[in-house]
Amino acid sequence: MSKQAGLPLLGQDDAAACCAPMVREPLGEEAAAELARMFKALSDPIRLRLLSLIASYEGGEACVCDLTGPFDVSQPTISHHLKVLREAGLVDSERRGTWVYYWVLPEALAKLSALLQIPATAAKALA
């Protein structure tokens, strides 16, 4: 039997290692509103694909000129979806000359991820 099996992970207390924030305690009103805005923005398949495309782009940012090709919608529609992602706090942008560049905000993804990290044992208990 290994003596290391019972060692705790460094930097994690028992509650954090056990459960995601949603399982430990109910969300507050402000946190729920912020997260709901992000999830609502991601509920559209085009916006979800845009976020994925931007995040996977070399260098971590993408020019709007590179974001219209993969979609069968007009450029104004892509601009609308990018605006929704930006207003939800998922991406940020900067104008450089005639083009706008977008990048994903890591802290927003961290918030979404932290909420959804529910261990399998807790998920089974919720079912």
Protein backbone atom coordinates (compact mmCIF):
# COMPACT_ATOMS: atom_id res chain seq x y z
CA MET A 1 0.00 0.00 0.00
CA SER A 2 1.36 3.42 -0.93
CA LYS A 3 1.95 5.90 1.87
CA GLN A 4 1.23 8.77 -0.56
CA ALA A 5 -2.39 7.82 -1.25
CA GLY A 6 -3.76 9.95 1.59
CA LEU A 7 -1.63 13.06 1.03
CA PRO A 8 -3.63 16.25 0.38
CA LEU A 9 -3.03 18.35 -2.70
CA LEU A 10 -1.03 21.48 -1.99
CA GLY A 11 -2.93 24.75 -2.21
CA GLN A 12 -6.38 23.24 -1.78
CA ASP A 13 -8.46 23.12 1.34
CA ASP A 14 -10.86 20.22 1.89
CA ALA A 15 -13.96 22.14 0.75
CA ALA A 16 -12.35 23.40 -2.46
CA ALA A 17 -10.97 19.98 -3.33
CA CYS A 18 -14.35 18.36 -2.67
CA CYS A 19 -16.89 20.47 -4.39
CA ALA A 20 -17.50 23.17 -6.95
CA PRO A 21 -18.86 26.51 -5.64
CA MET A 22 -22.41 25.62 -6.70
CA VAL A 23 -22.33 22.43 -4.60
CA ARG A 24 -20.68 24.04 -1.54
CA GLU A 25 -23.07 26.96 -1.21
CA PRO A 26 -25.80 28.71 -3.20
CA LEU A 27 -24.76 31.40 -5.63
CA GLY A 28 -25.30 34.99 -4.59
CA GLU A 29 -27.53 37.25 -6.67
CA GLU A 30 -24.68 39.19 -8.31
CA ALA A 31 -22.62 36.10 -9.13
CA ALA A 32 -25.67 34.34 -10.56
CA ALA A 33 -26.52 37.34 -12.76
CA GLU A 34 -22.95 37.60 -14.07
CA LEU A 35 -22.67 33.88 -14.79
CA ALA A 36 -26.13 33.74 -16.36
CA ARG A 37 -25.15 36.56 -18.75
CA MET A 38 -22.07 34.57 -19.80
CA PHE A 39 -23.95 31.29 -20.22
CA LYS A 40 -26.73 33.04 -22.15
CA ALA A 41 -24.17 34.49 -24.55
CA LEU A 42 -22.69 31.01 -25.06
CA SER A 43 -26.09 29.39 -25.66
CA ASP A 44 -25.96 30.41 -29.32
CA PRO A 45 -23.96 27.94 -31.47
CA ILE A 46 -22.36 30.70 -33.54
CA ARG A 47 -21.15 32.55 -30.44
CA LEU A 48 -19.85 29.34 -28.89
CA ARG A 49 -17.94 28.58 -32.10
CA LEU A 50 -16.64 32.17 -32.28
CA LEU A 51 -15.32 31.94 -28.73
CA SER A 52 -13.65 28.63 -29.53
CA LEU A 53 -12.18 30.00 -32.75
CA ILE A 54 -10.76 33.08 -31.02
CA ALA A 55 -9.35 31.04 -28.12
CA SER A 56 -7.66 28.56 -30.45
CA TYR A 57 -6.20 31.19 -32.76
CA GLU A 58 -2.42 31.38 -32.87
CA GLY A 59 -1.25 34.02 -30.41
CA GLY A 60 -4.57 33.99 -28.55
CA GLU A 61 -6.19 36.74 -30.58
CA ALA A 62 -7.95 36.91 -33.91
CA CYS A 63 -8.68 39.66 -36.39
CA VAL A 64 -12.35 40.11 -37.21
CA CYS A 65 -11.32 39.66 -40.85
CA ASP A 66 -10.44 36.03 -40.03
CA LEU A 67 -13.68 35.29 -38.18
CA THR A 68 -16.23 35.59 -40.99
CA GLY A 69 -15.01 32.82 -43.30
CA PRO A 70 -15.95 29.76 -41.20
CA PHE A 71 -19.60 30.88 -40.88
CA ASP A 72 -22.48 30.97 -43.34
CA VAL A 73 -23.76 34.32 -42.04
CA SER A 74 -23.07 37.93 -43.01
CA GLN A 75 -20.31 40.09 -41.56
CA PRO A 76 -22.82 42.30 -39.69
CA THR A 77 -24.21 39.15 -38.03
CA ILE A 78 -20.70 38.12 -36.92
CA SER A 79 -20.19 41.65 -35.56
CA HIS A 80 -23.43 41.35 -33.60
CA HIS A 81 -22.35 38.03 -32.07
CA LEU A 82 -18.93 39.44 -31.17
CA LYS A 83 -20.65 42.41 -29.50
CA VAL A 84 -22.76 40.01 -27.40
CA LEU A 85 -19.64 38.08 -26.35
CA ARG A 86 -17.89 41.33 -25.46
CA GLU A 87 -20.87 42.66 -23.46
CA ALA A 88 -21.06 39.34 -21.58
CA GLY A 89 -17.44 39.79 -20.51
CA LEU A 90 -16.14 36.77 -22.41
CA VAL A 91 -13.93 38.56 -24.94
CA ASP A 92 -12.27 41.92 -25.30
CA SER A 93 -11.20 43.78 -28.40
CA GLU A 94 -8.94 46.49 -29.73
CA ARG A 95 -9.04 48.45 -32.98
CA ARG A 96 -5.75 48.40 -34.88
CA GLY A 97 -5.99 50.51 -38.00
CA THR A 98 -9.04 49.37 -39.94
CA TRP A 99 -9.35 45.99 -38.19
CA VAL A 100 -10.57 44.93 -34.77
CA TYR A 101 -8.76 42.15 -32.91
CA TYR A 102 -10.47 39.94 -30.33
CA TRP A 103 -9.14 37.76 -27.50
CA VAL A 104 -10.79 35.61 -24.85
CA LEU A 105 -10.71 36.84 -21.25
CA PRO A 106 -9.17 34.00 -19.21
CA GLU A 107 -10.76 35.17 -15.95
CA ALA A 108 -14.24 34.77 -17.48
CA LEU A 109 -13.47 31.21 -18.58
CA ALA A 110 -12.06 30.49 -15.12
CA LYS A 111 -15.34 31.60 -13.50
CA LEU A 112 -17.41 29.39 -15.80
CA SER A 113 -15.06 26.47 -15.31
CA ALA A 114 -14.99 26.78 -11.52
CA LEU A 115 -18.76 26.69 -11.38
CA LEU A 116 -19.01 23.57 -13.52
CA GLN A 117 -16.26 21.52 -11.87
CA ILE A 118 -18.46 19.11 -10.00
CA PRO A 119 -16.77 15.84 -8.99
CA ALA A 120 -18.45 12.68 -10.27
CA THR A 121 -19.44 11.64 -6.75
CA ALA A 122 -21.24 14.94 -6.15
CA ALA A 123 -22.92 14.75 -9.58
CA LYS A 124 -24.23 11.26 -8.77
CA ALA A 125 -25.59 12.53 -5.45
CA LEU A 126 -27.42 15.33 -7.28
CA ALA A 127 -29.01 12.94 -9.80
